[in-house]
Amino acid sequence: MANSGNPVAKLRAWWAHRQWLDGTRAGASAAEALAATGWARSVGGAAPYLGLFARTGLGREAVDAAVAGLEIHELPSARGCTYVLPAQDFALGLAAGAGAPEADIASAVKHLGVTRDEIEKLCLTIAQILPEEGPMDPPAIREAAGSAVRSLGEAGKKRGQSTTLPLALGLLQSRGRIRRVPVNGRLDQQRYGYVGWDQPVRGSAAELAERYFAWAAPASVKHFRWFSGFTAATAKAALGPLDLVELPGTDLLMPAELADAFEDFTPPAEPAYALLAGIDGIHLLHRDLPRLLDEADAERPTPAARAGRSFGTEADPQSHVVVDRGRIVGLWEYDTEQREIVHQLFVPADAALREAIARTEAFVRDELGDARGFSLDSPKSRAPKIEALREASDRNSADRNSARQSWSGQSSAGR
């Protein structure tokens, strides 16, 4: 049980509260949730759906409708990585990710004989080809662009760039001139087409820092640098205009306007369980996994990993997570054959936890069909983890039964 006198429990519960994981935001829109809790990392898996479902109760159709209506959208943003953003942050997100395609082009110029001029000309060709409505997939773009797209041969394949087309598409996306849309409207699959767009790109490093600390505080400069990809100098300049205060005894910073609220905050006495993707913002905004783990849980073996790997030494959870007031209290995966969630819990399953598991299981089964961690995740590839989680769950059940029997025997002897 959380203890208001426990500073670790308070921090975790505060992070969960700020992340809308305390069960108080049912009915909010996808855009509202992403604006308040932070951009949702998307890698062709179920993370955005799971995160929005846990925070607001939104089903897949509602989220897909928000995507179709451009209330939210998947864009290359922080560190050049794809996130699902609310419309109010489209311009800032694109600005935050603008350096990544430039770096890709610079590498291609250096190693593959590409010229900047040919990429700019290809960009002009693509802009003329793409329709404003109805996505055009990459093979169709390549065919329509003809000789403007050039093969980069074996050298390019080795560097993951078989033609010049991805370089131009990435540059156009970063400029807000085109957008990538899922051909079936879903965020958990990676078949895309492109349409023309006219999205401004603007925003400063300080603006990104302000957003970040609204979502993630208390957080350290190191945490912010991980999220933003900024150098130490750029991060220092970005934080300069902000009114941040240090949490006593730590290197964690938070906006001064939140300091009194944090001081007065008391962790909830009752559990608030949420089943989330391993890359959910409760973890990935900081990417500091041990802060969410009790010491004993950090020492648990990573499911289906090589001997010696423990949960607390991982950069990221290797399975989806069960969270209670900011503490990771279990791991889970979805078994598509049995159509059920398989889990390893670090705490006894009370009624609230069983209900949270059943509710998420029904959501995945009935609306998603699967809960992939990322685009290349598949039922076959995750089978060893599912088996390891089942075995760990069976051991836990056996240990608890043994403990109950032992206690019952001692009680009988005492009578």
Protein backbone atom coordinates (compact mmCIF):
# COMPACT_ATOMS: atom_id res chain seq x y z
CA MET A 1 0.00 0.00 0.00
CA ALA A 2 1.25 3.46 -0.84
CA ASN A 3 2.48 5.51 2.11
CA SER A 4 2.38 9.32 2.04
CA GLY A 5 5.48 9.29 4.26
CA ASN A 6 7.42 7.25 1.70
CA PRO A 7 9.13 9.66 -0.72
CA VAL A 8 9.58 6.98 -3.42
CA ALA A 9 5.91 5.97 -3.26
CA LYS A 10 4.90 9.63 -3.39
CA LEU A 11 7.04 10.30 -6.47
CA ARG A 12 5.69 7.27 -8.29
CA ALA A 13 2.09 8.06 -7.41
CA TRP A 14 2.57 11.68 -8.50
CA TRP A 15 3.98 10.60 -11.86
CA ALA A 16 1.02 8.26 -12.32
CA HIS A 17 -1.39 11.04 -11.31
CA ARG A 18 0.15 13.45 -13.82
CA GLN A 19 -0.01 10.68 -16.42
CA TRP A 20 -3.75 10.26 -15.86
CA LEU A 21 -3.27 6.71 -14.60
CA ASP A 22 -5.36 7.18 -11.46
CA GLY A 23 -8.70 6.44 -13.09
CA THR A 24 -10.07 9.98 -12.95
CA ARG A 25 -10.12 10.98 -16.64
CA ALA A 26 -12.68 8.70 -18.25
CA GLY A 27 -14.40 10.40 -21.17
CA ALA A 28 -11.57 12.75 -22.14
CA SER A 29 -10.63 12.91 -25.82
CA ALA A 30 -7.50 11.44 -27.34
CA ALA A 31 -6.18 14.93 -28.11
CA GLU A 32 -6.79 16.09 -24.54
CA ALA A 33 -4.99 13.06 -23.12
CA LEU A 34 -1.94 13.46 -25.37
CA ALA A 35 -1.73 17.20 -24.71
CA ALA A 36 -1.82 16.67 -20.95
CA THR A 37 0.28 13.50 -20.53
CA GLY A 38 2.69 13.66 -23.46
CA TRP A 39 3.17 12.32 -26.93
CA ALA A 40 2.64 8.56 -27.31
CA ARG A 41 5.52 6.61 -28.81
CA SER A 42 4.40 4.58 -31.81
CA VAL A 43 6.39 1.84 -33.50
CA GLY A 44 3.62 -0.05 -35.24
CA GLY A 45 2.42 -1.63 -32.01
CA ALA A 46 -0.54 -1.27 -29.68
CA ALA A 47 1.04 1.27 -27.32
CA PRO A 48 -1.08 4.31 -28.31
CA TYR A 49 -4.32 2.33 -28.06
CA LEU A 50 -3.39 0.75 -24.72
CA GLY A 51 -2.27 4.06 -23.28
CA LEU A 52 -5.40 5.96 -24.29
CA PHE A 53 -7.66 3.10 -23.17
CA ALA A 54 -6.01 3.01 -19.72
CA ARG A 55 -6.21 6.79 -19.30
CA THR A 56 -9.61 7.63 -20.78
CA GLY A 57 -11.42 4.40 -21.64
CA LEU A 58 -11.38 5.26 -25.35
CA GLY A 59 -11.94 2.33 -27.72
CA ARG A 60 -10.09 1.76 -30.97
CA GLU A 61 -12.81 3.20 -33.19
CA ALA A 62 -12.79 6.48 -31.27
CA VAL A 63 -9.01 6.73 -31.53
CA ASP A 64 -9.06 5.88 -35.24
CA ALA A 65 -11.74 8.54 -35.77
CA ALA A 66 -9.49 11.09 -34.06
CA VAL A 67 -6.68 10.09 -36.43
CA ALA A 68 -8.95 10.37 -39.47
CA GLY A 69 -10.14 13.79 -38.31
CA LEU A 70 -6.56 15.02 -37.76
CA GLU A 71 -7.29 15.64 -34.09
CA ILE A 72 -4.22 13.49 -33.48
CA HIS A 73 -1.58 12.19 -35.87
CA GLU A 74 1.55 10.07 -36.00
CA LEU A 75 4.53 12.25 -36.89
CA PRO A 76 8.33 12.12 -36.79
CA SER A 77 9.15 14.30 -33.82
CA ALA A 78 11.49 14.08 -30.80
CA ARG A 79 14.83 12.49 -31.81
CA GLY A 80 13.29 11.87 -35.25
CA CYS A 81 11.17 9.08 -33.73
CA THR A 82 7.48 8.64 -34.49
CA TYR A 83 4.99 9.72 -31.83
CA VAL A 84 1.25 10.26 -31.85
CA LEU A 85 0.65 13.96 -31.19
CA PRO A 86 -2.39 16.20 -30.63
CA ALA A 87 -3.08 18.78 -33.35
CA GLN A 88 -1.93 21.64 -31.13
CA ASP A 89 1.58 20.12 -31.12
CA PHE A 90 1.97 19.20 -34.81
CA ALA A 91 4.15 22.23 -35.57
CA LEU A 92 6.34 21.75 -32.49
CA GLY A 93 6.70 18.01 -33.01
CA LEU A 94 7.87 18.46 -36.60
CA ALA A 95 10.34 21.13 -35.49
CA ALA A 96 11.68 18.80 -32.80
CA GLY A 97 12.33 16.06 -35.37
CA ALA A 98 13.65 18.19 -38.21
CA GLY A 99 17.28 17.25 -37.68
CA ALA A 100 16.86 13.51 -38.32
CA PRO A 101 16.19 13.58 -42.10
CA GLU A 102 18.94 16.14 -42.52
CA ALA A 103 21.36 13.74 -40.83
CA ASP A 104 20.18 10.89 -43.08
CA ILE A 105 20.78 12.98 -46.19
CA ALA A 106 24.21 14.09 -44.97
CA SER A 107 25.16 10.44 -44.45
CA ALA A 108 23.89 9.49 -47.92
CA VAL A 109 25.86 12.36 -49.46
CA LYS A 110 29.00 11.20 -47.68
CA HIS A 111 28.74 7.47 -48.21
CA LEU A 112 26.41 6.82 -51.16
CA GLY A 113 27.19 9.51 -53.72
CA VAL A 114 23.83 11.24 -53.26
CA THR A 115 23.66 14.97 -53.95
CA ARG A 116 21.50 17.44 -52.12
CA ASP A 117 20.29 18.81 -55.43
CA GLU A 118 18.85 15.47 -56.58
CA ILE A 119 16.96 15.03 -53.29
CA GLU A 120 15.48 18.54 -53.57
CA LYS A 121 14.42 17.85 -57.16
CA LEU A 122 12.87 14.56 -56.12
CA CYS A 123 10.98 16.41 -53.37
CA LEU A 124 9.50 18.73 -55.99
CA THR A 125 8.48 15.77 -58.14
CA ILE A 126 6.78 14.00 -55.23
CA ALA A 127 4.94 17.14 -54.17
CA GLN A 128 3.47 17.40 -57.67
CA ILE A 129 2.50 13.71 -57.76
CA LEU A 130 0.79 13.29 -54.40
CA PRO A 131 -2.98 13.77 -54.12
CA GLU A 132 -4.38 15.84 -51.27
CA GLU A 133 -6.95 13.14 -50.63
CA GLY A 134 -6.46 9.40 -50.82
CA PRO A 135 -3.02 8.10 -49.85
CA MET A 136 -0.46 6.97 -52.42
CA ASP A 137 1.82 4.15 -51.34
CA PRO A 138 5.61 4.17 -51.88
CA PRO A 139 5.61 1.73 -54.86
CA ALA A 140 3.07 3.92 -56.67
CA ILE A 141 5.10 7.05 -55.87
CA ARG A 142 8.26 5.40 -57.14
CA GLU A 143 6.58 4.37 -60.39
CA ALA A 144 5.07 7.81 -60.95
CA ALA A 145 8.35 9.58 -60.17
CA GLY A 146 10.19 7.47 -62.74
CA SER A 147 13.86 8.31 -63.21
CA ALA A 148 13.74 10.95 -60.46
CA VAL A 149 14.11 8.04 -58.02
CA ARG A 150 17.55 6.45 -58.14
CA SER A 151 18.72 3.06 -56.90
CA LEU A 152 21.56 3.22 -54.40
CA GLY A 153 22.76 -0.30 -55.14
CA GLU A 154 24.29 -2.77 -52.73
CA ALA A 155 26.02 -0.04 -50.75
CA GLY A 156 22.65 1.56 -50.12
CA LYS A 157 21.02 -1.71 -49.10
CA LYS A 158 23.74 -2.26 -46.52
CA ARG A 159 22.91 1.14 -45.03
CA GLY A 160 19.16 0.61 -45.18
CA GLN A 161 18.66 2.99 -48.13
CA SER A 162 17.92 1.04 -51.30
CA THR A 163 16.75 4.14 -53.23
CA THR A 164 16.64 7.90 -52.82
CA LEU A 165 12.87 7.85 -52.25
CA PRO A 166 12.88 7.44 -48.43
CA LEU A 167 15.30 10.36 -48.11
CA ALA A 168 12.95 12.66 -49.97
CA LEU A 169 9.86 11.39 -48.17
CA GLY A 170 11.51 11.95 -44.81
CA LEU A 171 12.54 15.48 -45.75
CA LEU A 172 9.06 16.36 -47.01
CA GLN A 173 7.47 15.00 -43.83
CA SER A 174 9.77 17.06 -41.65
CA ARG A 175 8.78 20.17 -43.61
CA GLY A 176 5.08 19.51 -43.18
CA ARG A 177 4.60 19.18 -46.94
CA ILE A 178 3.32 15.60 -46.83
CA ARG A 179 1.96 13.31 -44.17
CA ARG A 180 2.06 9.57 -43.79
CA VAL A 181 -1.29 7.88 -43.15
CA PRO A 182 -2.08 4.26 -42.27
CA VAL A 183 -3.83 2.67 -45.25
CA ASN A 184 -6.38 0.95 -43.00
CA GLY A 185 -6.66 3.81 -40.51
CA ARG A 186 -5.00 1.88 -37.66
CA LEU A 187 -1.99 2.90 -35.61
CA ASP A 188 -0.88 -0.64 -34.79
CA GLN A 189 0.01 -1.69 -38.32
CA GLN A 190 2.72 -0.35 -40.60
CA ARG A 191 1.29 -0.10 -44.08
CA TYR A 192 1.32 3.52 -45.09
CA GLY A 193 0.49 5.86 -47.90
CA TYR A 194 1.27 9.55 -48.32
CA VAL A 195 -0.86 12.61 -49.05
CA GLY A 196 0.00 16.25 -49.61
CA TRP A 197 -0.12 18.58 -46.60
CA ASP A 198 0.43 22.20 -45.66
CA GLN A 199 1.47 22.08 -42.01
CA PRO A 200 3.60 24.89 -40.54
CA VAL A 201 6.76 23.81 -38.75
CA ARG A 202 7.74 25.99 -35.82
CA GLY A 203 8.75 25.78 -32.19
CA SER A 204 11.77 26.37 -29.99
CA ALA A 205 13.84 24.16 -27.73
CA ALA A 206 12.45 26.07 -24.76
CA GLU A 207 8.90 25.33 -25.88
CA LEU A 208 9.68 21.62 -26.06
CA ALA A 209 11.25 21.78 -22.60
CA GLU A 210 8.18 23.52 -21.21
CA ARG A 211 5.93 20.79 -22.63
CA TYR A 212 8.20 18.05 -21.34
CA PHE A 213 8.30 19.24 -17.74
CA ALA A 214 4.53 19.72 -17.73
CA TRP A 215 4.19 16.03 -18.63
CA ALA A 216 7.10 14.42 -16.81
CA ALA A 217 8.14 16.49 -13.79
CA PRO A 218 9.88 15.90 -11.54
CA ALA A 219 12.57 14.96 -14.07
CA SER A 220 16.30 15.51 -14.35
CA VAL A 221 18.25 17.25 -17.07
CA LYS A 222 19.45 13.79 -18.09
CA HIS A 223 15.84 12.65 -18.50
CA PHE A 224 15.04 15.68 -20.64
CA ARG A 225 18.11 15.15 -22.80
CA TRP A 226 17.08 11.54 -23.42
CA PHE A 227 13.61 12.60 -24.57
CA SER A 228 14.70 15.56 -26.68
CA GLY A 229 17.99 14.25 -28.05
CA PHE A 230 19.53 17.64 -27.26
CA THR A 231 23.19 18.19 -26.51
CA ALA A 232 24.11 19.42 -23.03
CA ALA A 233 24.50 22.97 -24.31
CA THR A 234 21.15 23.00 -26.13
CA ALA A 235 19.37 21.48 -23.13
CA LYS A 236 20.87 24.09 -20.79
CA ALA A 237 19.74 26.90 -23.10
CA ALA A 238 16.26 25.38 -23.40
CA LEU A 239 15.82 25.17 -19.62
CA GLY A 240 17.09 28.71 -19.03
CA PRO A 241 13.77 30.52 -19.59
CA LEU A 242 11.79 28.05 -17.48
CA ASP A 243 10.96 28.60 -13.82
CA LEU A 244 12.09 25.23 -12.48
CA VAL A 245 12.78 24.29 -8.88
CA GLU A 246 14.82 21.38 -7.60
CA LEU A 247 13.24 18.68 -5.50
CA PRO A 248 15.30 18.75 -2.27
CA GLY A 249 17.88 16.01 -2.03
CA THR A 250 17.60 15.03 -5.71
CA ASP A 251 18.60 16.20 -9.18
CA LEU A 252 14.92 16.28 -10.20
CA LEU A 253 13.34 19.51 -11.45
CA MET A 254 9.74 20.63 -11.67
CA PRO A 255 7.91 23.81 -12.67
CA ALA A 256 7.57 26.15 -9.71
CA GLU A 257 3.83 26.35 -10.34
CA LEU A 258 3.54 22.63 -9.52
CA ALA A 259 5.66 22.71 -6.36
CA ASP A 260 2.83 23.43 -3.92
CA ALA A 261 0.57 20.83 -5.53
CA PHE A 262 3.34 18.24 -5.24
CA GLU A 263 4.00 19.16 -1.63
CA ASP A 264 0.31 18.73 -0.76
CA PHE A 265 -0.11 15.54 -2.80
CA THR A 266 -0.92 12.35 -0.91
CA PRO A 267 -0.62 9.00 -2.70
CA PRO A 268 -3.97 7.21 -3.01
CA ALA A 269 -4.54 4.58 -0.36
CA GLU A 270 -6.30 2.26 -2.81
CA PRO A 271 -4.62 0.61 -5.82
CA ALA A 272 -5.09 2.08 -9.30
CA TYR A 273 -4.04 -0.60 -11.78
CA ALA A 274 -3.32 -0.03 -15.46
CA LEU A 275 -2.09 -2.44 -18.12
CA LEU A 276 0.21 -0.54 -20.46
CA ALA A 277 2.72 -1.09 -23.23
CA GLY A 278 6.35 -1.31 -22.21
CA ILE A 279 7.01 1.93 -24.10
CA ASP A 280 4.21 3.89 -22.44
CA GLY A 281 5.03 7.41 -21.31
CA ILE A 282 5.03 6.45 -17.63
CA HIS A 283 8.36 4.81 -18.46
CA LEU A 284 9.58 6.27 -21.73
CA LEU A 285 9.35 9.98 -20.91
CA HIS A 286 12.24 9.40 -18.49
CA ARG A 287 13.60 6.06 -19.71
CA ASP A 288 14.82 5.36 -16.19
CA LEU A 289 13.28 1.99 -15.45
CA PRO A 290 14.60 1.42 -11.88
CA ARG A 291 12.63 4.44 -10.59
CA LEU A 292 9.41 2.44 -11.16
CA LEU A 293 10.66 -0.81 -9.60
CA ASP A 294 10.90 -2.06 -6.06
CA GLU A 295 14.34 -3.48 -5.35
CA ALA A 296 13.18 -7.09 -5.19
CA ASP A 297 11.36 -6.74 -8.51
CA ALA A 298 14.40 -5.21 -10.18
CA GLU A 299 16.26 -8.45 -9.45
CA ARG A 300 13.68 -10.67 -11.17
CA PRO A 301 14.90 -12.47 -14.32
CA THR A 302 13.84 -10.95 -17.61
CA PRO A 303 11.32 -13.40 -19.15
CA ALA A 304 12.81 -15.60 -21.89
CA ALA A 305 16.13 -13.73 -21.79
CA ARG A 306 19.58 -15.22 -21.47
CA ALA A 307 20.70 -16.19 -17.98
CA GLY A 308 21.87 -13.30 -15.86
CA ARG A 309 19.65 -10.61 -17.33
CA SER A 310 17.42 -9.02 -14.70
CA PHE A 311 14.47 -6.70 -15.09
CA GLY A 312 16.17 -3.76 -13.39
CA THR A 313 19.16 -3.81 -15.74
CA GLU A 314 17.06 -3.40 -18.89
CA ALA A 315 16.83 -0.04 -20.63
CA ASP A 316 13.18 -0.79 -21.40
CA PRO A 317 10.70 -3.45 -20.28
CA GLN A 318 10.86 -6.41 -22.63
CA SER A 319 7.16 -7.08 -22.11
CA HIS A 320 4.09 -4.97 -21.45
CA VAL A 321 3.69 -3.78 -17.85
CA VAL A 322 1.11 -3.68 -15.09
CA VAL A 323 1.35 -0.46 -13.08
CA ASP A 324 -0.13 0.52 -9.73
CA ARG A 325 0.30 4.13 -8.59
CA GLY A 326 3.50 4.42 -10.60
CA ARG A 327 5.07 1.15 -9.51
CA ILE A 328 5.47 -1.67 -12.01
CA VAL A 329 3.76 -4.64 -10.33
CA GLY A 330 3.71 -7.14 -13.19
CA LEU A 331 4.41 -8.05 -16.80
CA TRP A 332 2.02 -9.27 -19.47
CA GLU A 333 1.64 -10.36 -23.08
CA TYR A 334 -1.33 -11.31 -25.21
CA ASP A 335 -1.69 -14.90 -26.39
CA THR A 336 -3.56 -14.80 -29.71
CA GLU A 337 -4.19 -18.54 -29.76
CA GLN A 338 -5.84 -18.65 -26.35
CA ARG A 339 -7.16 -15.08 -26.77
CA GLU A 340 -6.07 -14.16 -23.29
CA ILE A 341 -3.60 -12.07 -21.36
CA VAL A 342 -0.75 -14.05 -19.82
CA HIS A 343 0.89 -12.32 -16.88
CA GLN A 344 3.45 -12.51 -14.13
CA LEU A 345 2.37 -10.47 -11.12
CA PHE A 346 4.69 -9.15 -8.43
CA VAL A 347 1.79 -8.63 -6.00
CA PRO A 348 -1.21 -10.78 -5.01
CA ALA A 349 -4.13 -10.38 -7.41
CA ASP A 350 -6.95 -8.60 -5.59
CA ALA A 351 -10.38 -7.98 -7.10
CA ALA A 352 -9.36 -4.62 -8.59
CA LEU A 353 -6.34 -6.14 -10.33
CA ARG A 354 -8.34 -9.05 -11.70
CA GLU A 355 -10.92 -6.60 -13.04
CA ALA A 356 -8.23 -4.46 -14.71
CA ILE A 357 -6.75 -7.52 -16.40
CA ALA A 358 -10.14 -8.78 -17.58
CA ARG A 359 -11.12 -5.33 -18.89
CA THR A 360 -7.90 -4.93 -20.88
CA GLU A 361 -8.09 -8.51 -22.12
CA ALA A 362 -11.57 -7.85 -23.52
CA PHE A 363 -10.36 -4.63 -25.15
CA VAL A 364 -7.44 -6.36 -26.85
CA ARG A 365 -9.48 -9.41 -27.89
CA ASP A 366 -12.54 -7.57 -29.17
CA GLU A 367 -11.09 -4.36 -30.59
CA LEU A 368 -7.40 -4.84 -31.38
CA GLY A 369 -7.05 -8.56 -32.02
CA ASP A 370 -3.50 -8.48 -30.67
CA ALA A 371 -1.24 -6.31 -28.51
CA ARG A 372 1.99 -6.10 -30.46
CA GLY A 373 4.86 -4.32 -28.80
CA PHE A 374 6.25 -3.07 -32.12
CA SER A 375 5.86 -3.59 -35.85
CA LEU A 376 7.93 -6.80 -36.09
CA ASP A 377 6.40 -8.35 -32.98
CA SER A 378 4.32 -11.43 -33.76
CA PRO A 379 2.61 -14.26 -31.88
CA LYS A 380 5.46 -16.54 -32.97
CA SER A 381 8.26 -14.22 -31.87
CA ARG A 382 6.71 -13.60 -28.46
CA ALA A 383 5.87 -17.26 -27.78
CA PRO A 384 8.96 -17.80 -25.57
CA LYS A 385 8.03 -14.79 -23.43
CA ILE A 386 4.45 -16.01 -23.09
CA GLU A 387 5.69 -19.41 -21.96
CA ALA A 388 8.12 -17.84 -19.48
CA LEU A 389 5.37 -15.63 -18.05
CA ARG A 390 3.06 -18.63 -17.68
CA GLU A 391 5.75 -20.59 -15.88
CA ALA A 392 6.52 -17.68 -13.55
CA SER A 393 2.81 -17.23 -12.83
CA ASP A 394 2.43 -20.94 -12.07
CA ARG A 395 5.42 -20.80 -9.69
CA ASN A 396 3.97 -17.80 -7.91
CA SER A 397 0.63 -19.58 -7.50
CA ALA A 398 2.35 -22.70 -6.19
CA ASP A 399 4.42 -20.67 -3.73
CA ARG A 400 1.34 -18.86 -2.42
CA ASN A 401 -0.57 -22.13 -2.03
CA SER A 402 2.36 -23.66 -0.20
CA ALA A 403 2.58 -20.66 2.10
CA ARG A 404 -1.15 -20.84 2.84
CA GLN A 405 -0.94 -24.56 3.61
CA SER A 406 2.06 -24.01 5.84
CA TRP A 407 0.27 -21.25 7.72
CA SER A 408 -2.85 -23.38 8.02
CA GLY A 409 -0.80 -26.25 9.45
CA GLN A 410 0.90 -24.00 11.98
CA SER A 411 -2.45 -22.55 13.01
CA SER A 412 -3.91 -26.04 13.51
CA ALA A 413 -0.92 -27.11 15.60
CA GLY A 414 -1.31 -24.00 17.71
CA ARG A 415 -4.91 -24.88 18.44
